[in-house]
Amino acid sequence: MLVALINLAEFFIDSLFFVGSFITIALSLIVVVPLMEILKTELYTRKFELVKRTIHISR
């Protein structure tokens, strides 16, 4: 979905300013790649239960 939005933005920007491909690369490296890495890390930690929930005991 994000990749499709970036391609659509590239089309509109490229038709006006002819720099759409540079903006697409920048958006991909700044937004899409880190977001995908965050999602992969979150799924990995949940799958293997690397982070356990702590139970707070009230006195």
N, C-alpha and C. Protein backbone atom coordinates (compact mmCIF):
# COMPACT_ATOMS: atom_id res chain seq x y z
N MET A 1 0.82 -1.19 0.00
CA MET A 1 0.00 0.00 0.00
C MET A 1 0.87 1.25 0.00
N LEU A 2 1.89 1.27 0.87
CA LEU A 2 2.76 2.45 0.92
C LEU A 2 3.53 2.63 -0.38
N VAL A 3 3.94 1.53 -0.96
CA VAL A 3 4.70 1.60 -2.21
C VAL A 3 3.81 2.15 -3.32
N ALA A 4 2.55 1.76 -3.34
CA ALA A 4 1.62 2.28 -4.35
C ALA A 4 1.41 3.77 -4.18
N LEU A 5 1.32 4.23 -2.94
CA LEU A 5 1.15 5.67 -2.70
C LEU A 5 2.38 6.45 -3.13
N ILE A 6 3.55 5.88 -2.88
CA ILE A 6 4.78 6.56 -3.29
C ILE A 6 4.87 6.63 -4.81
N ASN A 7 4.48 5.56 -5.48
CA ASN A 7 4.49 5.59 -6.95
C ASN A 7 3.50 6.59 -7.50
N LEU A 8 2.35 6.72 -6.87
CA LEU A 8 1.36 7.71 -7.29
C LEU A 8 1.89 9.13 -7.07
N ALA A 9 2.55 9.36 -5.94
CA ALA A 9 3.15 10.66 -5.68
C ALA A 9 4.25 10.95 -6.69
N GLU A 10 5.03 9.95 -7.04
CA GLU A 10 6.08 10.13 -8.05
C GLU A 10 5.48 10.55 -9.39
N PHE A 11 4.38 9.95 -9.77
CA PHE A 11 3.74 10.29 -11.04
C PHE A 11 3.31 11.75 -11.07
N PHE A 12 2.66 12.21 -9.99
CA PHE A 12 2.19 13.60 -9.97
C PHE A 12 3.33 14.59 -9.89
N ILE A 13 4.32 14.31 -9.07
CA ILE A 13 5.45 15.24 -8.93
C ILE A 13 6.30 15.25 -10.19
N ASP A 14 6.46 14.08 -10.80
CA ASP A 14 7.27 14.00 -12.02
C ASP A 14 6.61 14.72 -13.18
N SER A 15 5.30 14.74 -13.22
CA SER A 15 4.61 15.45 -14.31
C SER A 15 4.74 16.96 -14.15
N LEU A 16 5.01 17.44 -12.96
CA LEU A 16 5.12 18.89 -12.74
C LEU A 16 6.57 19.37 -12.71
N PHE A 17 7.44 18.67 -11.99
CA PHE A 17 8.79 19.19 -11.73
C PHE A 17 9.92 18.32 -12.28
N PHE A 18 9.63 17.13 -12.78
CA PHE A 18 10.62 16.21 -13.34
C PHE A 18 11.67 15.74 -12.32
N VAL A 19 11.30 15.71 -11.04
CA VAL A 19 12.20 15.18 -10.00
C VAL A 19 11.51 14.09 -9.19
N GLY A 20 10.51 13.48 -9.76
CA GLY A 20 9.72 12.48 -9.03
C GLY A 20 10.52 11.28 -8.58
N SER A 21 11.46 10.83 -9.41
CA SER A 21 12.23 9.64 -9.03
C SER A 21 13.13 9.91 -7.83
N PHE A 22 13.68 11.11 -7.73
CA PHE A 22 14.53 11.43 -6.58
C PHE A 22 13.70 11.53 -5.30
N ILE A 23 12.52 12.09 -5.42
CA ILE A 23 11.65 12.19 -4.25
C ILE A 23 11.17 10.81 -3.82
N THR A 24 10.90 9.94 -4.78
CA THR A 24 10.48 8.59 -4.46
C THR A 24 11.57 7.83 -3.71
N ILE A 25 12.79 7.95 -4.16
CA ILE A 25 13.91 7.28 -3.47
C ILE A 25 14.06 7.83 -2.06
N ALA A 26 13.97 9.15 -1.91
CA ALA A 26 14.11 9.75 -0.59
C ALA A 26 12.99 9.29 0.34
N LEU A 27 11.75 9.31 -0.14
CA LEU A 27 10.64 8.86 0.70
C LEU A 27 10.76 7.39 1.06
N SER A 28 11.21 6.60 0.13
CA SER A 28 11.37 5.17 0.42
C SER A 28 12.42 4.94 1.49
N LEU A 29 13.53 5.64 1.41
CA LEU A 29 14.60 5.44 2.38
C LEU A 29 14.29 6.06 3.73
N ILE A 30 13.52 7.12 3.74
CA ILE A 30 13.22 7.81 5.00
C ILE A 30 12.00 7.23 5.70
N VAL A 31 11.00 6.80 4.95
CA VAL A 31 9.74 6.37 5.55
C VAL A 31 9.51 4.87 5.45
N VAL A 32 9.54 4.33 4.26
CA VAL A 32 9.10 2.95 4.04
C VAL A 32 10.07 1.93 4.64
N VAL A 33 11.34 2.08 4.40
CA VAL A 33 12.32 1.10 4.89
C VAL A 33 12.34 1.05 6.42
N PRO A 34 12.42 2.19 7.13
CA PRO A 34 12.38 2.10 8.60
C PRO A 34 11.06 1.53 9.13
N LEU A 35 9.95 1.87 8.49
CA LEU A 35 8.67 1.34 8.93
C LEU A 35 8.61 -0.17 8.78
N MET A 36 9.11 -0.68 7.68
CA MET A 36 9.13 -2.13 7.48
C MET A 36 10.05 -2.82 8.49
N GLU A 37 11.17 -2.21 8.81
CA GLU A 37 12.08 -2.79 9.81
C GLU A 37 11.44 -2.81 11.19
N ILE A 38 10.71 -1.76 11.53
CA ILE A 38 10.01 -1.72 12.82
C ILE A 38 8.96 -2.81 12.89
N LEU A 39 8.20 -2.98 11.81
CA LEU A 39 7.18 -4.02 11.79
C LEU A 39 7.79 -5.41 11.88
N LYS A 40 8.90 -5.64 11.18
CA LYS A 40 9.56 -6.94 11.25
C LYS A 40 10.05 -7.23 12.66
N THR A 41 10.63 -6.24 13.31
CA THR A 41 11.13 -6.42 14.67
C THR A 41 9.99 -6.71 15.63
N GLU A 42 8.90 -5.98 15.50
CA GLU A 42 7.74 -6.20 16.36
C GLU A 42 7.17 -7.61 16.18
N LEU A 43 7.03 -8.05 14.96
CA LEU A 43 6.51 -9.39 14.71
C LEU A 43 7.46 -10.47 15.23
N TYR A 44 8.75 -10.26 15.08
CA TYR A 44 9.74 -11.24 15.54
C TYR A 44 9.71 -11.37 17.06
N THR A 45 9.64 -10.23 17.76
CA THR A 45 9.63 -10.29 19.22
C THR A 45 8.33 -10.91 19.74
N ARG A 46 7.23 -10.68 19.06
CA ARG A 46 5.97 -11.31 19.49
C ARG A 46 5.96 -12.80 19.18
N LYS A 47 6.51 -13.19 18.05
CA LYS A 47 6.50 -14.60 17.66
C LYS A 47 7.30 -15.46 18.63
N PHE A 48 8.48 -15.00 19.00
CA PHE A 48 9.35 -15.78 19.86
C PHE A 48 9.27 -15.35 21.32
N GLU A 49 8.34 -14.48 21.66
CA GLU A 49 8.12 -14.01 23.02
C GLU A 49 9.41 -13.56 23.69
N LEU A 50 10.13 -12.70 23.00
CA LEU A 50 11.40 -12.23 23.53
C LEU A 50 11.22 -11.21 24.65
N VAL A 51 10.11 -10.53 24.63
CA VAL A 51 9.82 -9.55 25.68
C VAL A 51 8.60 -10.06 26.44
N LYS A 52 8.79 -10.34 27.69
CA LYS A 52 7.70 -10.85 28.52
C LYS A 52 7.03 -9.69 29.24
N ARG A 53 5.75 -9.84 29.48
CA ARG A 53 5.04 -8.83 30.26
C ARG A 53 5.34 -9.06 31.74
N THR A 54 5.47 -7.99 32.46
CA THR A 54 5.70 -8.10 33.89
C THR A 54 4.39 -7.86 34.63
N ILE A 55 4.22 -8.57 35.70
CA ILE A 55 3.02 -8.40 36.52
C ILE A 55 3.39 -7.50 37.69
N HIS A 56 2.68 -6.40 37.81
CA HIS A 56 2.93 -5.47 38.91
C HIS A 56 2.15 -5.94 40.13
N ILE A 57 2.86 -6.19 41.20
CA ILE A 57 2.22 -6.63 42.43
C ILE A 57 2.05 -5.41 43.33
N SER A 58 0.81 -5.10 43.63
CA SER A 58 0.57 -3.94 44.50
C SER A 58 0.59 -4.39 45.96
N ARG A 59 1.06 -3.53 46.82
CA ARG A 59 1.17 -3.86 48.25
C ARG A 59 -0.03 -3.40 49.00
